[in-house]
Amino acid sequence: MFLASALALASLSNGQSSRLTLEQALELADRNSPALRESAAIQEGAQAGIVTARAYPNPQFSAVAGHQSAWALLVPGIPGISGLQLAGIPGVVQNYSASQPVEMPAVRRTRIQVAQMALTSSKSGAAGVRLAVRAQVKHAFYEVLHRKEEIEHARESLALVEDLRRRTAIQVSVGELGRLELTRAEAELAIAQTALRGAQLRHVGAVSALRVAISAPASVDIDPAGDLDSKVTVPQLDEARGIVLANHPAVAQARAEVERAQAQLANEKALRFPQYTTYGEYEIQPGLRFFRFGVSVPVPIWDKRKGQIAEAGAAMRRAEALQTQRQLELTAALERSYGQYQLANQQVESFQAGSLRQAEAALTAAQAAYRFGERGIMEVLDAQRVLQSVRGDYLDARFERQNALIDLEELGAVSGIGGVGK
């Protein structure tokens, strides 16, 4: 399977036509999707954020040098002392100092927690993006299969109408039928030709959407191979709801964002306590040397970080509200997709139980009666239109059922659509 996939990927890359399976399409999307590359870059940035959060503040070192000059002072009226006196000793003055900011353990710990929760959130986000990309590929893939089968039905209908038109033309030419019957057949032929062109146009649009989903070059001639029926076990709604709410990446990401906001709030509260800086100084003067050590502590008199703490608290409440909203959205999406699947599945079973066979049998009977002259062309055309309508509805129902299954798989309620797991 891997060798076949590799060969298909190579042929697609070389601009050749290839029968593309669903697994190969998913591999192409995994390799080329810009959305997946973006989510990977976000995850790498979050990983780098942990490195940033773990870093200690750098010390600061400074060196200053200069020259000291002596000053001449006039000292009048003191017996025994000269009138001029030098103040200070001339020479080089040097000053060296170093300082080191010291973090409180709570500040460092909570800052690292914020970065770790950001990484957890980005991983869950990347998993959600991958689910969405794979669902998009599957939707586009089965849309092409849908349109291909629609073209086949339109071609079969056109072939039938062309045969009727040819038979009618012969009967008109020998005088068995009137000219009106041929006009009807030609009008029905034009309708069938228009239907085929419409199906072909929709197929072109579906192929373009699939090409975008798998990031394939425009020169690639894509020809998906597969069918619209997947044998997947769908759990009961209550069981599916529990699975989705427990395992979906969107729920995990929302939970990580809540924990990240909580850590950010704790970090802002920890920053209320002054972060001090230790420093040392060594100074050399002509004839003198000084050693100094000290601590610099900011005094929180005017700014007590009330605004920053309030902002972090609001962000935490927003994250909690978004978590609840995400759960509601997933529940609603699950119920909608589950209902669509049930309805489409019932329609498919109804068609398979008798509607499709009855329409086919009616057309066969009308054709036989027409050949024996017992029915006119209108009866055959009516039966053919009924069959075409039933086959179209049956095809649409199968496609809608497959779409609903893909949506359920994206939500995490089922797996293995098209025989390909997550």
Protein backbone atom coordinates (compact mmCIF):
# COMPACT_ATOMS: atom_id res chain seq x y z
CA MET A 1 0.00 0.00 0.00
CA PHE A 2 2.82 2.40 0.87
CA LEU A 3 4.60 1.60 -2.42
CA ALA A 4 1.41 2.22 -4.40
CA SER A 5 0.88 5.50 -2.59
CA ALA A 6 4.46 6.56 -3.26
CA LEU A 7 4.13 5.77 -6.95
CA ALA A 8 0.86 7.69 -7.18
CA LEU A 9 2.41 10.68 -5.42
CA ALA A 10 5.36 10.60 -7.80
CA SER A 11 3.12 10.46 -10.86
CA LEU A 12 1.03 13.35 -9.57
CA SER A 13 4.15 15.38 -8.89
CA ASN A 14 5.30 14.73 -12.46
CA GLY A 15 2.02 16.07 -13.84
CA GLN A 16 0.78 12.66 -15.01
CA SER A 17 -2.74 11.29 -14.83
CA SER A 18 -3.29 8.84 -11.99
CA ARG A 19 -6.11 6.89 -10.41
CA LEU A 20 -6.19 8.59 -7.04
CA THR A 21 -7.39 6.66 -4.01
CA LEU A 22 -8.70 8.34 -0.89
CA GLU A 23 -5.65 7.29 1.12
CA GLN A 24 -3.33 8.81 -1.48
CA ALA A 25 -5.36 12.03 -1.47
CA LEU A 26 -5.03 12.24 2.31
CA GLU A 27 -1.28 11.66 2.08
CA LEU A 28 -0.99 14.51 -0.41
CA ALA A 29 -2.94 16.80 1.91
CA ASP A 30 -0.75 15.80 4.87
CA ARG A 31 2.36 16.69 2.88
CA ASN A 32 1.22 19.85 1.12
CA SER A 33 -1.61 21.49 3.08
CA PRO A 34 -0.78 25.13 3.97
CA ALA A 35 -3.19 24.90 6.92
CA LEU A 36 -1.22 21.99 8.39
CA ARG A 37 2.06 23.83 7.86
CA GLU A 38 0.61 26.87 9.60
CA SER A 39 -0.55 24.84 12.60
CA ALA A 40 2.87 23.17 12.77
CA ALA A 41 4.53 26.59 12.80
CA ILE A 42 2.21 27.73 15.61
CA GLN A 43 3.16 24.64 17.59
CA GLU A 44 6.87 25.30 17.01
CA GLY A 45 6.38 28.87 18.21
CA ALA A 46 4.65 27.65 21.36
CA GLN A 47 7.54 25.22 21.98
CA ALA A 48 9.96 28.11 21.64
CA GLY A 49 7.81 30.07 24.08
CA ILE A 50 8.60 27.49 26.79
CA VAL A 51 12.31 28.04 26.17
CA THR A 52 11.71 31.78 26.54
CA ALA A 53 9.73 31.30 29.75
CA ARG A 54 12.43 29.09 31.29
CA ALA A 55 15.23 31.59 30.58
CA TYR A 56 16.71 33.42 33.54
CA PRO A 57 17.17 37.20 33.38
CA ASN A 58 20.62 38.21 32.22
CA PRO A 59 23.07 39.97 34.55
CA GLN A 60 24.29 43.43 33.66
CA PHE A 61 27.93 44.50 33.80
CA SER A 62 29.33 47.99 33.35
CA ALA A 63 32.80 49.55 33.43
CA VAL A 64 33.55 53.27 33.62
CA ALA A 65 36.98 54.92 33.58
CA GLY A 66 38.07 58.53 33.73
CA HIS A 67 40.76 60.92 34.94
CA GLN A 68 40.80 62.77 38.23
CA SER A 69 42.53 66.18 38.45
CA ALA A 70 43.76 68.07 41.48
CA TRP A 71 42.31 71.48 42.34
CA ALA A 72 44.30 74.37 43.83
CA LEU A 73 42.57 75.98 46.82
CA LEU A 74 43.40 79.39 48.32
CA VAL A 75 43.64 79.16 52.10
CA PRO A 76 44.15 82.71 53.50
CA GLY A 77 44.83 83.83 57.08
CA ILE A 78 46.09 80.56 58.53
CA PRO A 79 49.57 80.89 60.00
CA GLY A 80 52.04 78.28 58.96
CA ILE A 81 50.01 77.10 55.99
CA SER A 82 50.74 78.09 52.42
CA GLY A 83 48.16 80.15 50.64
CA LEU A 84 47.67 77.40 47.98
CA GLN A 85 46.60 73.82 48.72
CA LEU A 86 45.91 70.94 46.27
CA ALA A 87 42.55 69.17 46.75
CA GLY A 88 42.53 65.52 45.63
CA ILE A 89 45.14 63.32 44.01
CA PRO A 90 45.40 63.37 40.22
CA GLY A 91 45.16 60.05 38.40
CA VAL A 92 42.88 57.47 36.75
CA VAL A 93 39.49 56.64 38.28
CA GLN A 94 37.90 53.25 37.49
CA ASN A 95 34.46 51.92 38.36
CA TYR A 96 33.19 48.38 37.77
CA SER A 97 29.69 47.21 38.64
CA ALA A 98 27.45 44.18 38.08
CA SER A 99 23.77 43.60 38.81
CA GLN A 100 21.54 40.53 38.70
CA PRO A 101 17.71 40.65 38.70
CA VAL A 102 16.29 37.93 40.96
CA GLU A 103 12.89 36.43 40.18
CA MET A 104 10.45 35.21 42.77
CA PRO A 105 9.82 31.45 42.40
CA ALA A 106 6.06 31.98 41.96
CA VAL A 107 6.62 34.37 39.06
CA ARG A 108 8.89 31.98 37.24
CA ARG A 109 6.68 28.95 37.90
CA THR A 110 3.47 30.57 36.68
CA ARG A 111 5.18 32.05 33.62
CA ILE A 112 6.36 28.58 32.60
CA GLN A 113 2.85 27.21 33.20
CA VAL A 114 1.44 29.84 30.84
CA ALA A 115 3.90 28.77 28.13
CA GLN A 116 3.21 25.06 28.70
CA MET A 117 -0.54 25.59 28.42
CA ALA A 118 0.04 27.55 25.21
CA LEU A 119 1.90 24.53 23.79
CA THR A 120 -0.89 22.17 24.89
CA SER A 121 -3.45 24.45 23.26
CA SER A 122 -1.46 24.61 20.02
CA LYS A 123 -1.18 20.81 19.90
CA SER A 124 -4.94 20.43 20.30
CA GLY A 125 -5.44 23.15 17.70
CA ALA A 126 -3.16 21.31 15.28
CA ALA A 127 -5.14 18.10 15.83
CA GLY A 128 -8.36 19.99 15.10
CA VAL A 129 -6.89 21.51 11.94
CA ARG A 130 -5.81 18.07 10.75
CA LEU A 131 -9.32 16.72 11.31
CA ALA A 132 -10.77 19.64 9.35
CA VAL A 133 -8.27 19.22 6.49
CA ARG A 134 -8.94 15.48 6.22
CA ALA A 135 -12.69 16.11 6.30
CA GLN A 136 -12.32 18.72 3.55
CA VAL A 137 -10.36 16.25 1.42
CA LYS A 138 -12.96 13.54 1.94
CA HIS A 139 -15.85 15.88 1.16
CA ALA A 140 -14.13 16.98 -2.05
CA PHE A 141 -13.11 13.41 -2.96
CA TYR A 142 -16.64 12.03 -2.63
CA GLU A 143 -18.06 15.07 -4.39
CA VAL A 144 -15.98 14.11 -7.45
CA LEU A 145 -17.21 10.50 -7.21
CA HIS A 146 -20.76 11.84 -6.95
CA ARG A 147 -20.35 13.93 -10.08
CA LYS A 148 -18.67 11.09 -11.96
CA GLU A 149 -21.60 8.79 -11.26
CA GLU A 150 -23.98 11.60 -12.18
CA ILE A 151 -22.23 11.86 -15.56
CA GLU A 152 -22.60 8.12 -16.07
CA HIS A 153 -26.34 8.33 -15.40
CA ALA A 154 -26.66 11.27 -17.78
CA ARG A 155 -24.78 9.36 -20.48
CA GLU A 156 -26.98 6.32 -20.04
CA SER A 157 -30.06 8.51 -20.28
CA LEU A 158 -28.68 10.22 -23.37
CA ALA A 159 -27.91 6.87 -25.00
CA LEU A 160 -31.47 5.72 -24.33
CA VAL A 161 -32.97 8.89 -25.79
CA GLU A 162 -30.66 8.72 -28.81
CA ASP A 163 -31.81 5.14 -29.43
CA LEU A 164 -35.45 6.22 -29.14
CA ARG A 165 -34.85 9.13 -31.47
CA ARG A 166 -33.17 6.83 -34.01
CA ARG A 167 -36.05 4.33 -33.86
CA THR A 168 -38.61 7.10 -34.12
CA ALA A 169 -36.85 8.61 -37.13
CA ILE A 170 -36.98 5.24 -38.87
CA GLN A 171 -40.68 4.81 -38.08
CA VAL A 172 -41.46 8.33 -39.27
CA SER A 173 -39.53 7.76 -42.48
CA VAL A 174 -41.61 4.66 -43.26
CA GLY A 175 -44.85 6.35 -42.28
CA GLU A 176 -45.59 4.36 -39.15
CA LEU A 177 -45.51 7.45 -36.92
CA GLY A 178 -46.26 11.11 -37.41
CA ARG A 179 -43.71 13.89 -37.49
CA LEU A 180 -44.79 15.05 -34.03
CA GLU A 181 -43.32 11.96 -32.41
CA LEU A 182 -39.91 12.74 -33.92
CA THR A 183 -40.13 16.33 -32.68
CA ARG A 184 -40.82 15.07 -29.19
CA ALA A 185 -37.87 12.71 -29.35
CA GLU A 186 -35.56 15.47 -30.58
CA ALA A 187 -36.71 17.79 -27.78
CA GLU A 188 -36.05 15.07 -25.23
CA LEU A 189 -32.63 14.50 -26.83
CA ALA A 190 -31.76 18.18 -26.39
CA ILE A 191 -32.79 17.99 -22.73
CA ALA A 192 -30.61 14.91 -22.17
CA GLN A 193 -27.63 16.58 -23.84
CA THR A 194 -28.06 19.65 -21.64
CA ALA A 195 -28.25 17.48 -18.55
CA LEU A 196 -24.99 15.75 -19.53
CA ARG A 197 -23.21 19.06 -20.08
CA GLY A 198 -24.45 20.31 -16.71
CA ALA A 199 -23.15 17.17 -14.98
CA GLN A 200 -19.79 17.55 -16.71
CA LEU A 201 -19.57 21.18 -15.61
CA ARG A 202 -20.29 20.24 -12.00
CA HIS A 203 -17.63 17.55 -12.25
CA VAL A 204 -15.05 20.10 -13.36
CA GLY A 205 -15.87 22.27 -10.34
CA ALA A 206 -15.62 19.28 -7.99
CA VAL A 207 -12.22 18.30 -9.39
CA SER A 208 -10.98 21.86 -8.90
CA ALA A 209 -12.12 21.79 -5.26
CA LEU A 210 -10.34 18.47 -4.71
CA ARG A 211 -7.17 19.82 -6.30
CA VAL A 212 -7.22 22.73 -3.85
CA ALA A 213 -7.91 20.41 -0.90
CA ILE A 214 -4.89 18.20 -1.64
CA SER A 215 -2.74 21.12 -2.90
CA ALA A 216 -2.12 19.44 -6.24
CA PRO A 217 -0.75 21.41 -9.22
CA ALA A 218 -3.21 22.67 -11.82
CA SER A 219 -1.51 20.51 -14.47
CA VAL A 220 -2.45 17.29 -12.67
CA ASP A 221 -5.30 15.28 -14.17
CA ILE A 222 -7.04 13.89 -11.08
CA ASP A 223 -9.19 10.78 -11.43
CA PRO A 224 -10.44 9.56 -8.01
CA ALA A 225 -11.26 5.89 -7.61
CA GLY A 226 -13.78 4.65 -5.04
CA ASP A 227 -17.48 4.46 -4.26
CA LEU A 228 -20.02 6.36 -2.21
CA ASP A 229 -20.78 3.59 0.27
CA SER A 230 -18.81 3.18 3.52
CA LYS A 231 -19.49 0.44 6.04
CA VAL A 232 -19.18 2.33 9.32
CA THR A 233 -20.75 1.57 12.67
CA VAL A 234 -22.53 4.65 14.02
CA PRO A 235 -23.09 4.64 17.81
CA GLN A 236 -26.23 5.87 19.54
CA LEU A 237 -26.56 9.63 19.89
CA ASP A 238 -26.00 9.72 23.65
CA GLU A 239 -22.89 7.56 23.34
CA ALA A 240 -21.61 9.67 20.45
CA ARG A 241 -22.17 12.87 22.44
CA GLY A 242 -20.08 11.55 25.32
CA ILE A 243 -17.29 10.50 22.95
CA VAL A 244 -17.20 13.88 21.21
CA LEU A 245 -17.22 15.96 24.39
CA ALA A 246 -14.50 13.79 25.92
CA ASN A 247 -12.12 13.48 22.98
CA HIS A 248 -12.60 16.27 20.45
CA PRO A 249 -9.51 18.51 20.02
CA ALA A 250 -11.65 21.66 20.21
CA VAL A 251 -12.74 20.73 23.73
CA ALA A 252 -9.16 19.94 24.75
CA GLN A 253 -7.96 23.23 23.27
CA ALA A 254 -10.66 25.20 25.09
CA ARG A 255 -9.73 23.45 28.35
CA ALA A 256 -6.06 24.29 27.79
CA GLU A 257 -6.95 27.92 27.14
CA VAL A 258 -8.82 28.06 30.46
CA GLU A 259 -5.81 26.62 32.29
CA ARG A 260 -3.55 29.04 30.44
CA ALA A 261 -5.71 31.98 31.53
CA GLN A 262 -5.68 30.72 35.12
CA ALA A 263 -1.89 30.51 35.06
CA GLN A 264 -1.70 34.01 33.59
CA LEU A 265 -3.87 35.33 36.41
CA ALA A 266 -1.64 33.62 38.97
CA ASN A 267 1.41 35.14 37.28
CA GLU A 268 -0.05 38.65 37.47
CA LYS A 269 -0.82 38.17 41.16
CA ALA A 270 2.70 36.92 41.81
CA LEU A 271 4.12 40.02 40.16
CA ARG A 272 2.54 42.16 42.89
CA PHE A 273 5.46 41.23 45.11
CA PRO A 274 8.57 43.29 44.35
CA GLN A 275 11.21 41.65 42.21
CA TYR A 276 14.55 42.78 43.61
CA THR A 277 17.94 43.25 41.98
CA THR A 278 21.28 42.58 43.64
CA TYR A 279 24.32 44.56 42.62
CA GLY A 280 27.99 44.92 43.44
CA GLU A 281 30.40 47.76 42.73
CA TYR A 282 34.19 48.13 42.80
CA GLU A 283 35.80 51.54 42.38
CA ILE A 284 39.45 52.52 42.17
CA GLN A 285 40.60 56.04 42.84
CA PRO A 286 44.15 57.31 43.21
CA GLY A 287 45.05 56.17 46.66
CA LEU A 288 41.62 54.70 47.44
CA ARG A 289 39.59 51.53 46.73
CA PHE A 290 35.88 50.98 47.37
CA PHE A 291 33.75 47.82 47.53
CA ARG A 292 29.97 48.20 47.63
CA PHE A 293 27.18 45.63 47.68
CA GLY A 294 23.45 46.30 47.72
CA VAL A 295 19.90 45.38 46.80
CA SER A 296 17.45 47.42 44.69
CA VAL A 297 13.77 46.85 45.50
CA PRO A 298 10.90 48.66 43.72
CA VAL A 299 8.26 49.90 46.14
CA PRO A 300 4.68 49.22 44.89
CA ILE A 301 3.06 52.41 46.08
CA TRP A 302 1.40 53.84 42.96
CA ASP A 303 1.11 50.77 40.72
CA LYS A 304 -0.18 47.68 42.52
CA ARG A 305 -1.02 45.85 39.24
CA LYS A 306 -4.74 46.10 39.83
CA GLY A 307 -5.38 46.69 36.15
CA GLN A 308 -3.24 43.76 34.97
CA ILE A 309 -4.89 41.41 37.46
CA ALA A 310 -8.36 42.56 36.41
CA GLU A 311 -7.48 42.03 32.74
CA ALA A 312 -6.19 38.53 33.45
CA GLY A 313 -9.35 37.73 35.43
CA ALA A 314 -11.54 38.91 32.54
CA ALA A 315 -9.49 36.82 30.10
CA MET A 316 -10.00 33.77 32.32
CA ARG A 317 -13.78 34.29 32.45
CA ARG A 318 -13.81 34.73 28.68
CA ALA A 319 -11.89 31.46 28.21
CA GLU A 320 -14.39 29.65 30.46
CA ALA A 321 -17.31 31.08 28.46
CA LEU A 322 -15.66 30.03 25.19
CA GLN A 323 -15.18 26.52 26.55
CA THR A 324 -18.89 26.26 27.30
CA GLN A 325 -19.71 27.75 23.89
CA ARG A 326 -17.45 25.25 22.13
CA GLN A 327 -19.17 22.35 23.89
CA LEU A 328 -22.59 23.68 22.84
CA GLU A 329 -21.43 24.10 19.25
CA LEU A 330 -20.03 20.58 19.09
CA THR A 331 -23.22 19.15 20.57
CA ALA A 332 -25.34 21.04 18.03
CA ALA A 333 -23.08 19.96 15.15
CA LEU A 334 -23.27 16.35 16.31
CA GLU A 335 -27.05 16.38 16.53
CA ARG A 336 -27.32 18.01 13.11
CA SER A 337 -24.94 15.55 11.43
CA TYR A 338 -26.53 12.60 13.21
CA GLY A 339 -30.00 13.64 12.04
CA GLN A 340 -28.74 14.15 8.48
CA TYR A 341 -27.17 10.70 8.51
CA GLN A 342 -30.33 9.01 9.76
CA LEU A 343 -32.53 10.76 7.20
CA ALA A 344 -30.17 10.06 4.30
CA ASN A 345 -29.71 6.45 5.39
CA GLN A 346 -33.49 5.94 5.52
CA GLN A 347 -33.79 7.37 2.01
CA VAL A 348 -31.08 5.06 0.71
CA GLU A 349 -32.72 2.04 2.28
CA SER A 350 -36.08 3.09 0.86
CA PHE A 351 -34.67 3.32 -2.65
CA GLN A 352 -32.88 -0.01 -2.28
CA ALA A 353 -36.03 -1.66 -0.92
CA GLY A 354 -38.10 -1.10 -4.05
CA SER A 355 -38.32 2.38 -5.54
CA LEU A 356 -35.26 1.99 -7.75
CA ARG A 357 -36.15 -1.51 -8.93
CA GLN A 358 -39.72 -0.46 -9.64
CA ALA A 359 -38.59 2.48 -11.77
CA GLU A 360 -36.18 0.25 -13.70
CA ALA A 361 -38.90 -2.37 -14.25
CA ALA A 362 -41.34 0.31 -15.44
CA LEU A 363 -38.87 1.56 -18.02
CA THR A 364 -38.12 -1.97 -19.23
CA ALA A 365 -41.84 -2.67 -19.62
CA ALA A 366 -42.43 0.60 -21.47
CA GLN A 367 -39.56 -0.12 -23.84
CA ALA A 368 -40.89 -3.61 -24.59
CA ALA A 369 -44.40 -2.27 -25.18
CA TYR A 370 -42.99 0.43 -27.45
CA ARG A 371 -41.12 -2.13 -29.56
CA PHE A 372 -44.33 -4.12 -30.04
CA GLY A 373 -46.28 -0.98 -30.85
CA GLU A 374 -48.47 -1.18 -27.74
CA ARG A 375 -47.25 2.12 -26.28
CA GLY A 376 -46.11 5.40 -27.77
CA ILE A 377 -42.83 7.19 -27.31
CA MET A 378 -44.27 9.45 -24.62
CA GLU A 379 -44.80 6.50 -22.30
CA VAL A 380 -41.18 5.46 -22.76
CA LEU A 381 -39.92 8.99 -22.20
CA ASP A 382 -42.06 9.38 -19.10
CA ALA A 383 -40.74 6.10 -17.68
CA GLN A 384 -37.20 7.14 -18.54
CA ARG A 385 -37.64 10.51 -16.80
CA VAL A 386 -39.01 8.78 -13.70
CA LEU A 387 -36.04 6.40 -13.61
CA GLN A 388 -33.60 9.25 -14.10
CA SER A 389 -35.23 11.18 -11.27
CA VAL A 390 -35.21 8.17 -8.95
CA ARG A 391 -31.60 7.36 -9.76
CA GLY A 392 -30.61 10.99 -9.20
CA ASP A 393 -32.39 11.08 -5.84
CA TYR A 394 -30.81 7.77 -4.87
CA LEU A 395 -27.36 9.06 -5.82
CA ASP A 396 -27.93 12.29 -3.88
CA ALA A 397 -29.11 10.34 -0.82
CA ARG A 398 -25.98 8.18 -0.89
CA PHE A 399 -23.82 11.26 -1.21
CA GLU A 400 -25.60 13.07 1.63
CA ARG A 401 -25.22 9.99 3.83
CA GLN A 402 -21.50 9.92 3.07
CA ASN A 403 -21.20 13.63 3.80
CA ALA A 404 -22.95 13.16 7.13
CA LEU A 405 -20.59 10.30 8.01
CA ILE A 406 -17.59 12.50 7.21
CA ASP A 407 -18.99 15.22 9.47
CA LEU A 408 -19.47 12.65 12.23
CA GLU A 409 -15.90 11.48 11.73
CA GLU A 410 -14.62 15.06 11.96
CA LEU A 411 -16.46 15.35 15.26
CA GLY A 412 -14.87 12.11 16.45
CA ALA A 413 -18.09 10.08 16.70
CA VAL A 414 -17.04 7.52 14.06
CA SER A 415 -13.84 6.53 12.29
CA GLY A 416 -12.62 4.77 9.17
CA ILE A 417 -14.59 6.56 6.44
CA GLY A 418 -13.54 5.09 3.13
CA GLY A 419 -11.52 2.45 4.94
CA VAL A 420 -9.00 5.09 6.05
CA GLY A 421 -8.57 5.82 9.72
CA LYS A 422 -7.42 9.01 11.37
